[in-house]
């Protein structure tokens, strides 16, 4: 096989995946051994980052709602249909959401109305209850149908010798019944047409008819199309930023393995089981002790997670799909614990983190992060780059630089218990304003935006005394003296750079990712946030102590030597060679 034909797929699902995978694509291209191919699923990622994605020199395929099409064809727009027009019109209605537009104006005249966060939380609960009712009704229909046809299906399964037969081996009667229902729904999914082919009325009908298997038809469509794309393009490797069942990563991995293609995870974030447990805790459809959830919790207990005295369970379509096709993650509630062949650990700290979280030891391969190679170059000439940064943005570089990594807006899911803010604007005003007010003439205050935050929506922060820097975060963190973030994966950059970090848990997620690291100041309240910032600015001894602790952590748990790219390419080669020899 010639080197020019050795394509490597990099699957992009959400905007925050883009930075890591673009870096991965550049590395592959520069090696001269591989041709990177970015695969956007769904197309929203490409559309939201249109300029960067369009100008990228790398080959790409974009999901148009029913199939993957080449970048040139996608940009031509010839594939668009009436259903796309509906989605564009629908997206313009976002101005009516409680967090924006008309409702916020109403609050100025009717202050007794519930806050946007509380209103969203109430609407969310009502919608969740409605979905639960639909799932219950659909589940009743499905189980009755299974009772009528289950004996015939079970008899047929005795004569099967493929994966469908294996799905029923060593199963009890309840598991077999539910898997038969899933098999029936899966086999009928292709008859319903793709989402982009449906009109508005048909879409509403699909939402109801899918019932407890919401999203199943989309999973089937993705599996068929990614399988066809793999067969046509014949990549030698697939790179994922995460293995996440909510992004249907398991079907991508299955399609790859059926074609004898290995899959490696190039992580973009840091997560454990707390991520989903906290996010889904108050949503009724994840409560394992409600409705049909009880039945599935009894049938598949390994999909149940106990958290804060409550039993939680993941969606039925994901459970049955993974069980039926033998794709069950080692720890269902843990992202990246699926069937990928390897996970590239960004540091020794992250290697230990993955192992402690439950990832299999033989899958964790230490490489270092590509972002650390950028840190290495910047740290070696830190003063030069600090001066250049100030000149580039017209910012006076004072005694210290404080960088605030602005978090995304998490109030769309409702206000979390214990959160001291009623809106995103209120939160970021406090975060930035407090640093600026305490800084005086000692500190240069910089703000970097989360990929989901638009500059036009937060440009007003400049009036508080901060400078918004629209550059990749890894180019900024090694040049500053303190990094402030909200439960962010980018905190790893601060640790690797050996600078003090303030981890402000403003949303009250209580993640334990960085607890116990002396160079990371964990704060949960407005009062503690102000107190820690004041100490870092005004107390030289306190700053020196935190700084020394972070440098010790960096030297013992991280490896910033500029060779992460080399180690990643070596890992890719080790995965590709066995696959090519089969």
Protein backbone atom coordinates (compact mmCIF):
# COMPACT_ATOMS: atom_id res chain seq x y z
CA UNK A 1 0.00 0.00 0.00
CA UNK A 2 1.50 3.37 -1.00
CA UNK A 3 1.94 6.00 1.68
CA UNK A 4 -0.23 8.53 -0.17
CA UNK A 5 -3.25 6.22 0.14
CA UNK A 6 -2.88 5.66 3.89
CA UNK A 7 -5.80 7.74 5.04
CA UNK A 8 -6.57 8.30 8.72
CA UNK A 9 -10.09 9.36 9.73
CA UNK A 10 -10.53 11.91 12.53
CA UNK A 11 -14.14 12.09 13.69
CA UNK A 12 -15.38 15.52 14.87
CA UNK A 13 -18.72 15.62 16.71
CA UNK A 14 -18.79 18.83 18.80
CA UNK A 15 -16.92 22.16 18.48
CA UNK A 16 -14.63 21.41 21.43
CA UNK A 17 -13.28 18.37 19.55
CA UNK A 18 -12.02 20.54 16.73
CA UNK A 19 -8.82 21.94 18.23
CA UNK A 20 -7.38 18.58 19.28
CA UNK A 21 -8.30 16.85 16.03
CA UNK A 22 -7.03 19.69 13.82
CA UNK A 23 -3.70 19.41 15.65
CA UNK A 24 -3.80 15.66 15.09
CA UNK A 25 -4.50 16.17 11.40
CA UNK A 26 -1.58 18.60 11.08
CA UNK A 27 0.71 16.07 12.76
CA UNK A 28 -0.35 13.29 10.41
CA UNK A 29 0.12 15.53 7.36
CA UNK A 30 3.55 16.73 8.46
CA UNK A 31 4.75 13.15 8.94
CA UNK A 32 4.46 12.51 5.20
CA UNK A 33 3.18 9.02 5.97
CA UNK A 34 -0.55 9.62 6.27
CA UNK A 35 -3.39 11.58 4.71
CA UNK A 36 -5.68 13.01 7.42
CA UNK A 37 -9.41 12.99 6.63
CA UNK A 38 -11.70 14.98 8.93
CA UNK A 39 -15.16 13.43 9.26
CA UNK A 40 -17.79 15.83 10.62
CA UNK A 41 -20.78 14.22 12.29
CA UNK A 42 -23.07 16.14 12.49
CA UNK A 43 -22.55 19.01 10.05
CA UNK A 44 -23.25 21.64 12.74
CA UNK A 45 -19.60 21.52 13.83
CA UNK A 46 -18.46 22.38 10.31
CA UNK A 47 -21.10 25.09 9.95
CA UNK A 48 -20.34 26.76 13.30
CA UNK A 49 -16.62 26.90 12.54
CA UNK A 50 -17.09 27.48 8.84
CA UNK A 51 -14.07 29.66 8.13
CA UNK A 52 -11.57 27.43 9.93
CA UNK A 53 -13.05 24.22 8.54
CA UNK A 54 -13.43 25.50 4.99
CA UNK A 55 -9.90 26.89 4.84
CA UNK A 56 -8.37 23.77 6.38
CA UNK A 57 -6.18 22.07 3.75
CA UNK A 58 -7.24 18.63 4.90
CA UNK A 59 -9.63 16.36 3.08
CA UNK A 60 -13.06 16.15 4.76
CA UNK A 61 -16.44 14.45 4.66
CA UNK A 62 -19.50 16.10 6.20
CA UNK A 63 -22.73 14.45 7.35
CA UNK A 64 -25.68 16.07 5.56
CA UNK A 65 -28.38 14.33 7.58
CA UNK A 66 -28.47 11.10 5.62
CA UNK A 67 -24.95 10.43 4.27
CA UNK A 68 -21.34 11.62 4.30
CA UNK A 69 -20.41 13.84 1.37
CA UNK A 70 -17.05 15.35 0.31
CA UNK A 71 -16.26 18.90 1.46
CA UNK A 72 -16.44 20.35 -2.04
CA UNK A 73 -19.92 18.92 -2.61
CA UNK A 74 -21.08 20.12 0.79
CA UNK A 75 -19.84 23.65 0.15
CA UNK A 76 -21.61 23.73 -3.22
CA UNK A 77 -24.94 23.37 -1.41
CA UNK A 78 -26.54 21.31 -4.17
CA UNK A 79 -27.49 18.54 -1.70
CA UNK A 80 -29.69 20.82 0.41
CA UNK A 81 -33.41 20.02 0.59
CA UNK A 82 -36.53 21.57 2.02
CA UNK A 83 -35.92 19.83 5.32
CA UNK A 84 -32.66 21.77 5.66
CA UNK A 85 -34.60 25.00 5.22
CA UNK A 86 -36.83 23.92 8.08
CA UNK A 87 -33.81 23.36 10.33
CA UNK A 88 -32.40 26.81 9.46
CA UNK A 89 -35.73 28.50 10.19
CA UNK A 90 -36.03 26.49 13.39
CA UNK A 91 -32.60 27.56 14.57
CA UNK A 92 -33.56 31.23 14.20
CA UNK A 93 -36.21 30.68 16.84
CA UNK A 94 -33.45 30.44 19.47
CA UNK A 95 -33.95 34.12 20.20
CA UNK A 96 -37.22 33.11 21.91
CA UNK A 97 -35.46 30.83 24.40
CA UNK A 98 -35.77 31.96 28.06
CA UNK A 99 -32.09 32.84 28.29
CA UNK A 100 -32.38 35.30 25.41
CA UNK A 101 -34.53 37.85 23.69
CA UNK A 102 -38.10 38.57 24.63
CA UNK A 103 -38.26 36.80 27.99
CA UNK A 104 -35.26 38.66 29.36
CA UNK A 105 -36.87 41.94 28.30
CA UNK A 106 -40.08 40.94 30.08
CA UNK A 107 -38.13 40.52 33.32
CA UNK A 108 -37.28 44.21 33.25
CA UNK A 109 -41.00 45.02 33.60
CA UNK A 110 -42.21 41.93 35.49
CA UNK A 111 -39.50 41.09 38.04
CA UNK A 112 -41.78 38.60 39.84
CA UNK A 113 -41.43 36.16 36.92
CA UNK A 114 -39.11 33.17 37.50
CA UNK A 115 -35.49 33.66 36.50
CA UNK A 116 -34.49 32.26 33.08
CA UNK A 117 -32.52 29.45 34.73
CA UNK A 118 -35.46 28.42 36.93
CA UNK A 119 -37.90 28.66 34.02
CA UNK A 120 -35.68 26.47 31.84
CA UNK A 121 -35.42 23.95 34.67
CA UNK A 122 -39.22 23.83 34.99
CA UNK A 123 -39.75 23.44 31.24
CA UNK A 124 -37.07 20.77 31.15
CA UNK A 125 -38.82 18.74 33.86
CA UNK A 126 -42.18 19.01 32.07
CA UNK A 127 -40.64 17.87 28.78
CA UNK A 128 -38.83 15.02 30.56
CA UNK A 129 -42.10 13.83 32.09
CA UNK A 130 -43.79 14.00 28.70
CA UNK A 131 -41.02 11.97 27.12
CA UNK A 132 -41.31 9.44 29.92
CA UNK A 133 -45.04 9.01 29.21
CA UNK A 134 -44.36 8.46 25.50
CA UNK A 135 -41.66 5.93 26.28
CA UNK A 136 -43.97 4.09 28.66
CA UNK A 137 -46.71 3.82 26.04
CA UNK A 138 -44.29 2.79 23.32
CA UNK A 139 -42.67 0.32 25.67
CA UNK A 140 -46.00 -1.31 26.43
CA UNK A 141 -46.67 -1.76 22.72
CA UNK A 142 -43.20 -3.16 22.13
CA UNK A 143 -43.36 -5.67 24.95
CA UNK A 144 -46.82 -6.87 23.94
CA UNK A 145 -45.55 -7.38 20.42
CA UNK A 146 -42.57 -9.23 21.82
CA UNK A 147 -44.86 -11.52 23.80
CA UNK A 148 -46.81 -12.34 20.62
CA UNK A 149 -43.81 -12.97 18.40
CA UNK A 150 -41.09 -13.77 20.92
CA UNK A 151 -41.47 -17.54 20.68
CA UNK A 152 -41.04 -17.48 16.91
CA UNK A 153 -38.05 -15.15 17.13
CA UNK A 154 -36.49 -17.24 19.89
CA UNK A 155 -36.89 -20.39 17.79
CA UNK A 156 -35.24 -18.68 14.83
CA UNK A 157 -32.36 -17.52 16.99
CA UNK A 158 -31.52 -21.15 17.78
CA UNK A 159 -30.53 -21.64 14.15
CA UNK A 160 -28.54 -18.41 13.84
CA UNK A 161 -24.78 -18.60 13.84
CA UNK A 162 -23.93 -14.95 13.41
CA UNK A 163 -23.79 -12.00 15.81
CA UNK A 164 -27.57 -12.03 16.24
CA UNK A 165 -27.33 -15.53 17.67
CA UNK A 166 -24.54 -14.51 20.05
CA UNK A 167 -26.67 -11.66 21.34
CA UNK A 168 -29.06 -14.16 22.95
CA UNK A 169 -26.54 -16.63 24.34
CA UNK A 170 -26.47 -16.91 28.15
CA UNK A 171 -29.36 -14.45 28.52
CA UNK A 172 -32.29 -14.78 30.87
CA UNK A 173 -35.86 -14.59 29.60
CA UNK A 174 -36.24 -10.87 30.39
CA UNK A 175 -33.07 -9.89 28.57
CA UNK A 176 -34.00 -12.02 25.56
CA UNK A 177 -37.45 -10.44 25.39
CA UNK A 178 -36.08 -6.90 25.43
CA UNK A 179 -33.37 -7.74 22.90
CA UNK A 180 -36.00 -9.22 20.57
CA UNK A 181 -37.93 -5.94 20.76
CA UNK A 182 -34.75 -4.03 19.92
CA UNK A 183 -33.91 -6.37 17.04
CA UNK A 184 -37.36 -5.84 15.56
CA UNK A 185 -37.08 -2.06 15.85
CA UNK A 186 -33.53 -2.06 14.45
CA UNK A 187 -34.50 -4.12 11.43
CA UNK A 188 -37.45 -1.86 10.67
CA UNK A 189 -35.53 1.40 11.13
CA UNK A 190 -34.24 1.55 7.55
CA UNK A 191 -37.78 1.36 6.18
CA UNK A 192 -38.65 4.72 7.76
CA UNK A 193 -36.36 6.86 5.61
CA UNK A 194 -33.64 9.21 6.68
CA UNK A 195 -34.23 12.25 8.87
CA UNK A 196 -33.45 14.67 6.06
CA UNK A 197 -36.13 13.08 3.86
CA UNK A 198 -38.94 13.74 6.33
CA UNK A 199 -41.33 16.67 6.47
CA UNK A 200 -42.36 18.43 9.69
CA UNK A 201 -45.42 16.21 10.34
CA UNK A 202 -43.40 13.05 9.72
CA UNK A 203 -40.70 14.28 12.09
CA UNK A 204 -43.26 14.72 14.87
CA UNK A 205 -44.60 11.25 14.20
CA UNK A 206 -41.05 9.85 14.35
CA UNK A 207 -40.52 11.41 17.78
CA UNK A 208 -43.61 9.62 19.10
CA UNK A 209 -43.16 6.32 17.26
CA UNK A 210 -39.52 5.94 18.34
CA UNK A 211 -40.74 5.87 21.92
CA UNK A 212 -38.29 4.20 24.26
CA UNK A 213 -35.89 3.72 21.33
CA UNK A 214 -35.46 7.40 20.59
CA UNK A 215 -32.57 7.88 18.19
CA UNK A 216 -32.40 4.26 17.04
CA UNK A 217 -33.12 5.08 13.39
CA UNK A 218 -30.32 7.64 13.46
CA UNK A 219 -27.93 5.09 14.91
CA UNK A 220 -28.78 2.62 12.17
CA UNK A 221 -28.30 5.26 9.50
CA UNK A 222 -24.93 6.33 10.93
CA UNK A 223 -23.71 2.73 11.18
CA UNK A 224 -24.64 1.99 7.57
CA UNK A 225 -23.11 5.19 6.19
CA UNK A 226 -19.89 5.15 8.21
CA UNK A 227 -19.46 1.48 7.24
CA UNK A 228 -19.84 2.40 3.58
CA UNK A 229 -17.43 5.33 3.93
CA UNK A 230 -14.83 3.09 5.55
CA UNK A 231 -15.25 0.48 2.83
CA UNK A 232 -14.88 3.09 0.07
CA UNK A 233 -11.98 5.08 1.53
CA UNK A 234 -10.24 2.20 3.34
CA UNK A 235 -8.56 4.22 6.13
CA UNK A 236 -5.72 2.57 8.02
CA UNK A 237 -6.75 4.11 11.37
CA UNK A 238 -9.62 6.01 12.96
CA UNK A 239 -9.01 8.67 15.62
CA UNK A 240 -11.77 9.66 18.04
CA UNK A 241 -11.61 12.51 20.58
CA UNK A 242 -13.73 10.38 22.93
CA UNK A 243 -15.74 7.16 23.01
CA UNK A 244 -19.14 8.46 24.04
CA UNK A 245 -22.35 6.45 23.58
CA UNK A 246 -24.37 9.66 23.29
CA UNK A 247 -22.38 10.46 20.15
CA UNK A 248 -22.84 6.87 18.88
CA UNK A 249 -19.08 6.29 19.00
CA UNK A 250 -19.73 2.59 19.62
CA UNK A 251 -21.18 2.22 16.10
CA UNK A 252 -18.16 3.94 14.55
CA UNK A 253 -15.85 1.59 16.47
CA UNK A 254 -17.94 -1.43 15.45
CA UNK A 255 -17.89 -0.42 11.78
CA UNK A 256 -14.12 0.07 11.99
CA UNK A 257 -13.46 -3.28 13.64
CA UNK A 258 -15.66 -5.13 11.13
CA UNK A 259 -13.36 -3.66 8.45
CA UNK A 260 -10.22 -4.61 10.48
CA UNK A 261 -9.40 -0.96 11.19
CA UNK A 262 -8.03 0.01 14.60
CA UNK A 263 -9.41 2.91 16.65
CA UNK A 264 -7.43 5.19 18.97
CA UNK A 265 -8.73 7.92 21.28
CA UNK A 266 -6.91 11.26 21.24
CA UNK A 267 -8.57 12.79 24.33
CA UNK A 268 -9.88 16.33 24.32
CA UNK A 269 -11.12 16.41 27.93
CA UNK A 270 -10.89 14.74 31.33
CA UNK A 271 -13.92 12.87 32.65
CA UNK A 272 -15.01 10.11 34.99
CA UNK A 273 -18.42 8.73 36.00
CA UNK A 274 -19.25 11.94 37.87
CA UNK A 275 -19.64 13.77 34.53
CA UNK A 276 -22.89 12.07 33.57
CA UNK A 277 -24.02 11.36 37.12
CA UNK A 278 -24.14 15.06 37.95
CA UNK A 279 -25.52 16.11 34.56
CA UNK A 280 -28.42 13.60 34.63
CA UNK A 281 -29.14 13.50 38.37
CA UNK A 282 -32.28 15.66 38.29
CA UNK A 283 -33.65 14.49 34.93
CA UNK A 284 -36.54 12.01 35.45
CA UNK A 285 -35.86 9.91 32.34
CA UNK A 286 -32.53 8.80 33.86
CA UNK A 287 -34.06 7.76 37.20
CA UNK A 288 -33.80 3.96 37.42
CA UNK A 289 -36.78 3.73 39.79
CA UNK A 290 -39.36 5.25 37.43
CA UNK A 291 -41.60 3.64 34.81
CA UNK A 292 -39.97 1.24 32.39
CA UNK A 293 -36.58 2.19 33.81
CA UNK A 294 -37.26 -0.25 36.64
CA UNK A 295 -37.61 -3.09 34.15
CA UNK A 296 -34.40 -2.22 32.31
CA UNK A 297 -32.53 -1.74 35.59
CA UNK A 298 -33.56 -5.24 36.62
CA UNK A 299 -32.70 -6.75 33.24
CA UNK A 300 -29.34 -4.99 32.82
CA UNK A 301 -28.04 -4.03 36.29
CA UNK A 302 -24.56 -3.16 35.02
CA UNK A 303 -26.08 -0.10 33.32
CA UNK A 304 -27.26 1.28 36.67
CA UNK A 305 -25.18 3.79 38.63
CA UNK A 306 -25.86 4.73 42.25
CA UNK A 307 -25.11 8.37 42.96
CA UNK A 308 -26.03 10.40 46.05
CA UNK A 309 -28.59 7.81 47.13
CA UNK A 310 -30.31 7.66 43.73
CA UNK A 311 -30.14 4.96 41.06
CA UNK A 312 -29.58 6.25 37.54
CA UNK A 313 -29.82 4.43 34.21
CA UNK A 314 -28.82 5.33 30.64
CA UNK A 315 -31.27 5.44 27.66
CA UNK A 316 -32.77 2.15 26.48
CA UNK A 317 -31.65 2.42 22.86
CA UNK A 318 -28.02 2.71 23.96
CA UNK A 319 -28.32 -0.15 26.44
CA UNK A 320 -29.92 -2.59 24.01
CA UNK A 321 -27.77 -1.54 21.06
CA UNK A 322 -24.59 -2.18 23.03
CA UNK A 323 -25.90 -5.44 24.46
CA UNK A 324 -27.21 -6.75 21.13
CA UNK A 325 -24.06 -5.97 19.14
CA UNK A 326 -21.63 -6.88 21.94
CA UNK A 327 -20.42 -3.29 22.35
CA UNK A 328 -20.92 -2.87 26.11
CA UNK A 329 -18.27 -0.54 27.60
CA UNK A 330 -16.23 -1.96 30.45
CA UNK A 331 -17.86 0.70 32.66
CA UNK A 332 -21.05 1.92 30.92
CA UNK A 333 -21.12 5.25 32.79
CA UNK A 334 -17.49 6.03 31.97
CA UNK A 335 -16.64 7.84 28.75
CA UNK A 336 -13.73 6.22 26.88
CA UNK A 337 -14.24 2.80 28.49
CA UNK A 338 -15.63 1.32 25.27
CA UNK A 339 -14.03 -0.92 22.65
CA UNK A 340 -11.42 1.44 21.22
CA UNK A 341 -8.00 -0.19 20.85
CA UNK A 342 -5.99 2.47 22.70
CA UNK A 343 -6.21 5.79 24.48
CA UNK A 344 -3.30 8.24 24.21
CA UNK A 345 -2.57 9.44 27.74
CA UNK A 346 -1.55 13.08 27.85
CA UNK A 347 0.65 12.82 30.97
CA UNK A 348 1.60 10.47 33.78
CA UNK A 349 -1.09 12.18 35.81
CA UNK A 350 -3.66 11.32 33.13
CA UNK A 351 -2.36 7.74 32.84
CA UNK A 352 -3.03 7.26 36.55
CA UNK A 353 -6.37 9.04 36.20
CA UNK A 354 -7.57 6.69 33.44
CA UNK A 355 -6.45 3.61 35.37
CA UNK A 356 -8.11 4.80 38.59
CA UNK A 357 -11.30 5.58 36.66
CA UNK A 358 -11.43 1.99 35.38
CA UNK A 359 -9.88 2.05 31.88
CA UNK A 360 -8.11 -1.24 31.06
CA UNK A 361 -4.35 -0.97 31.65
CA UNK A 362 -3.36 -2.41 28.27
CA UNK A 363 -5.32 0.31 26.46
CA UNK A 364 -3.64 3.26 28.18
CA UNK A 365 -0.56 4.35 26.19
CA UNK A 366 1.48 7.29 27.43
CA UNK A 367 2.29 9.74 24.63
CA UNK A 368 1.93 13.24 26.01
CA UNK A 369 -0.39 15.82 24.45
CA UNK A 370 0.22 17.73 21.23
CA UNK A 371 -0.66 20.89 23.13
CA UNK A 372 2.30 20.17 25.42
CA UNK A 373 4.64 20.41 22.45
CA UNK A 374 3.36 23.93 21.94
CA UNK A 375 3.85 24.61 25.65
CA UNK A 376 7.42 23.37 25.37
CA UNK A 377 8.26 25.82 22.60
CA UNK A 378 6.63 28.74 24.43
CA UNK A 379 8.11 27.96 27.85
CA UNK A 380 11.63 27.87 26.41
CA UNK A 381 11.33 31.52 25.36
CA UNK A 382 8.60 32.65 27.72
CA UNK A 383 9.69 36.29 28.18
CA UNK A 384 10.03 36.85 24.44
CA UNK A 385 6.55 35.47 23.78
CA UNK A 386 5.01 37.49 26.65
CA UNK A 387 6.37 40.69 25.16
CA UNK A 388 5.13 39.69 21.69
CA UNK A 389 1.68 38.96 23.12
CA UNK A 390 1.44 42.43 24.61
CA UNK A 391 2.52 44.06 21.36
CA UNK A 392 0.18 41.94 19.27
CA UNK A 393 -2.91 42.94 21.24
CA UNK A 394 -1.80 46.33 22.53
CA UNK A 395 -1.89 45.12 26.13
CA UNK A 396 0.49 46.45 28.83
CA UNK A 397 2.29 43.45 30.40
CA UNK A 398 2.34 44.18 34.11
CA UNK A 399 3.99 42.38 37.02
CA UNK A 400 1.71 39.36 36.55
CA UNK A 401 -0.75 38.10 33.97
CA UNK A 402 -4.02 36.45 35.03
CA UNK A 403 -5.83 34.46 32.35
CA UNK A 404 -9.52 33.59 32.70
CA UNK A 405 -10.75 30.67 30.63
CA UNK A 406 -14.37 31.67 30.16
CA UNK A 407 -16.70 28.67 30.71
CA UNK A 408 -19.61 27.76 28.42
CA UNK A 409 -23.18 28.69 29.33
CA UNK A 410 -24.54 25.76 31.39
CA UNK A 411 -27.77 27.48 32.45
CA UNK A 412 -29.64 26.07 29.46
CA UNK A 413 -30.24 22.90 31.47
CA UNK A 414 -31.56 24.84 34.46
CA UNK A 415 -29.89 26.27 37.54
CA UNK A 416 -28.04 23.63 39.56
CA UNK A 417 -28.60 23.35 43.29
CA UNK A 418 -26.12 25.47 45.20
CA UNK A 419 -25.21 27.69 42.24
CA UNK A 420 -24.98 31.32 43.39
CA UNK A 421 -25.89 32.83 40.01
CA UNK A 422 -29.17 33.11 38.12
CA UNK A 423 -27.72 33.63 34.64
CA UNK A 424 -24.59 33.13 32.61
CA UNK A 425 -24.09 36.86 32.23
CA UNK A 426 -24.17 37.29 35.99
CA UNK A 427 -21.58 34.52 36.43
CA UNK A 428 -19.01 35.80 33.94
CA UNK A 429 -19.49 39.40 35.09
CA UNK A 430 -18.53 38.30 38.60
CA UNK A 431 -15.62 36.12 37.47
CA UNK A 432 -13.99 38.78 35.33
CA UNK A 433 -15.05 41.78 37.38
CA UNK A 434 -13.62 40.38 40.61
CA UNK A 435 -10.19 39.75 39.07
CA UNK A 436 -10.15 43.21 37.49
CA UNK A 437 -11.25 44.97 40.69
CA UNK A 438 -8.58 43.25 42.81
CA UNK A 439 -5.77 43.68 40.30
CA UNK A 440 -5.16 47.41 40.33
CA UNK A 441 -1.92 48.18 38.50
CA UNK A 442 -0.30 44.84 39.40
CA UNK A 443 -2.05 42.47 37.03
CA UNK A 444 -2.84 42.25 33.33
CA UNK A 445 -6.23 40.53 32.99
CA UNK A 446 -6.83 38.40 29.89
CA UNK A 447 -9.97 36.48 28.90
CA UNK A 448 -10.09 33.51 26.54
CA UNK A 449 -13.40 32.21 25.20
CA UNK A 450 -14.74 28.67 25.30
CA UNK A 451 -15.34 27.36 21.73
CA UNK A 452 -19.11 27.54 22.29
CA UNK A 453 -19.03 31.22 23.34
CA UNK A 454 -19.33 33.88 20.63
CA UNK A 455 -17.23 37.02 20.93
CA UNK A 456 -20.19 39.26 20.05
CA UNK A 457 -22.09 37.97 23.10
CA UNK A 458 -19.36 38.83 25.63
CA UNK A 459 -17.51 41.79 24.11
CA UNK A 460 -18.93 43.92 26.94
CA UNK A 461 -16.48 42.24 29.33
CA UNK A 462 -13.77 44.55 27.99
CA UNK A 463 -15.41 47.42 29.85
CA UNK A 464 -14.59 45.67 33.15
CA UNK A 465 -10.85 46.05 32.56
CA UNK A 466 -10.06 42.77 30.80
CA UNK A 467 -8.71 42.07 27.32
CA UNK A 468 -10.38 39.33 25.30
CA UNK A 469 -7.75 37.29 23.46
CA UNK A 470 -9.08 35.22 20.57
CA UNK A 471 -6.23 32.72 20.30
CA UNK A 472 -5.92 28.99 21.05
CA UNK A 473 -5.73 28.54 24.82
CA UNK A 474 -2.53 26.47 24.66
CA UNK A 475 -0.70 29.51 23.24
CA UNK A 476 -1.68 31.60 26.25
CA UNK A 477 -1.52 29.45 29.37
CA UNK A 478 2.31 29.00 29.46
CA UNK A 479 2.77 32.77 29.21
CA UNK A 480 0.64 33.74 32.22
CA UNK A 481 1.18 33.62 35.99
CA UNK A 482 -2.27 32.41 37.09
CA UNK A 483 -4.90 30.51 35.15
CA UNK A 484 -8.58 30.65 36.22
CA UNK A 485 -11.10 28.14 34.86
CA UNK A 486 -14.40 26.46 35.70
CA UNK A 487 -14.02 22.68 35.97
CA UNK A 488 -12.25 22.66 32.62
CA UNK A 489 -10.04 20.11 30.89
CA UNK A 490 -7.71 23.02 30.03
CA UNK A 491 -6.59 23.06 33.67
CA UNK A 492 -4.17 20.34 32.53
CA UNK A 493 -2.35 23.03 30.54
CA UNK A 494 -1.80 25.05 33.69
CA UNK A 495 -0.50 22.01 35.54
CA UNK A 496 1.90 21.12 32.70
CA UNK A 497 3.12 24.73 32.58
CA UNK A 498 3.76 24.75 36.34
CA UNK A 499 1.62 27.82 37.07
CA UNK A 500 -0.99 28.25 39.85
CA UNK A 501 -4.56 27.41 38.82
CA UNK A 502 -7.87 28.50 40.32
CA UNK A 503 -10.58 25.90 39.65
CA UNK A 504 -13.84 27.73 40.33
CA UNK A 505 -16.71 25.25 40.62
CA UNK A 506 -19.33 27.90 39.89
CA UNK A 507 -21.86 25.36 38.55
CA UNK A 508 -21.44 23.11 41.61
CA UNK A 509 -20.52 19.93 39.77
CA UNK A 510 -18.10 18.84 42.50
CA UNK A 511 -15.87 16.93 40.10
CA UNK A 512 -12.84 15.32 41.71
CA UNK A 513 -10.52 15.54 38.69
CA UNK A 514 -7.92 17.82 40.29
CA UNK A 515 -8.60 17.43 43.99
CA UNK A 516 -5.50 16.77 46.03
CA UNK A 517 -3.20 18.72 43.69
CA UNK A 518 -1.64 21.48 45.79
CA UNK A 519 -1.04 23.73 42.80
CA UNK A 520 -4.77 23.83 41.97
CA UNK A 521 -6.87 26.05 44.26
CA UNK A 522 -10.36 24.53 44.42
CA UNK A 523 -13.07 27.12 45.21
CA UNK A 524 -16.85 26.68 45.26
CA UNK A 525 -18.27 30.00 46.47
CA UNK A 526 -18.07 33.66 45.55
CA UNK A 527 -16.48 34.44 48.91
CA UNK A 528 -13.75 31.79 48.48
CA UNK A 529 -13.12 32.94 44.91
CA UNK A 530 -12.50 36.50 46.08
CA UNK A 531 -10.34 35.32 49.00
CA UNK A 532 -8.06 33.10 46.89
CA UNK A 533 -7.65 35.72 44.16
CA UNK A 534 -6.79 38.37 46.72
CA UNK A 535 -4.14 36.10 48.23
CA UNK A 536 -2.63 35.27 44.83
CA UNK A 537 -2.42 38.98 43.97
CA UNK A 538 -1.37 40.49 47.30
CA UNK A 539 0.27 37.72 49.36
CA UNK A 540 3.70 36.92 47.90
CA UNK A 541 4.24 33.97 50.26
CA UNK A 542 0.90 32.37 49.30
CA UNK A 543 1.59 32.77 45.59
CA UNK A 544 5.10 31.33 45.93
CA UNK A 545 3.79 28.32 47.87
CA UNK A 546 1.13 27.48 45.24
CA UNK A 547 3.58 28.12 42.41
CA UNK A 548 6.21 25.80 43.94
CA UNK A 549 3.61 23.07 44.48
CA UNK A 550 2.46 23.30 40.86
CA UNK A 551 6.02 23.12 39.55
CA UNK A 552 6.57 20.00 41.65
CA UNK A 553 3.40 18.44 40.21
CA UNK A 554 4.49 19.33 36.68
CA UNK A 555 7.94 17.77 37.10
CA UNK A 556 6.62 14.54 38.63
CA UNK A 557 3.37 13.95 36.69
CA UNK A 558 3.89 15.65 33.32
CA UNK A 559 6.46 15.36 30.55
CA UNK A 560 6.78 18.53 28.49
CA UNK A 561 9.74 17.72 26.25
CA UNK A 562 8.49 18.61 22.77
CA UNK A 563 8.31 14.95 21.70
CA UNK A 564 4.61 14.14 22.18
CA UNK A 565 4.07 14.24 18.43
CA UNK A 566 6.80 11.65 17.89
CA UNK A 567 5.29 9.36 20.50
CA UNK A 568 1.82 9.73 18.99
CA UNK A 569 3.06 8.81 15.51
CA UNK A 570 4.81 5.80 17.01
CA UNK A 571 1.55 4.74 18.67
CA UNK A 572 -0.35 5.15 15.40
CA UNK A 573 2.20 3.00 13.57
CA UNK A 574 2.05 0.27 16.22
CA UNK A 575 -1.74 0.09 15.81
CA UNK A 576 -1.72 0.20 12.02
CA UNK A 577 0.94 -2.44 11.34
CA UNK A 578 -0.87 -5.42 12.96
CA UNK A 579 -4.11 -4.42 11.21
CA UNK A 580 -2.40 -4.22 7.80
CA UNK A 581 -0.80 -7.63 8.26
CA UNK A 582 -4.17 -9.36 8.79
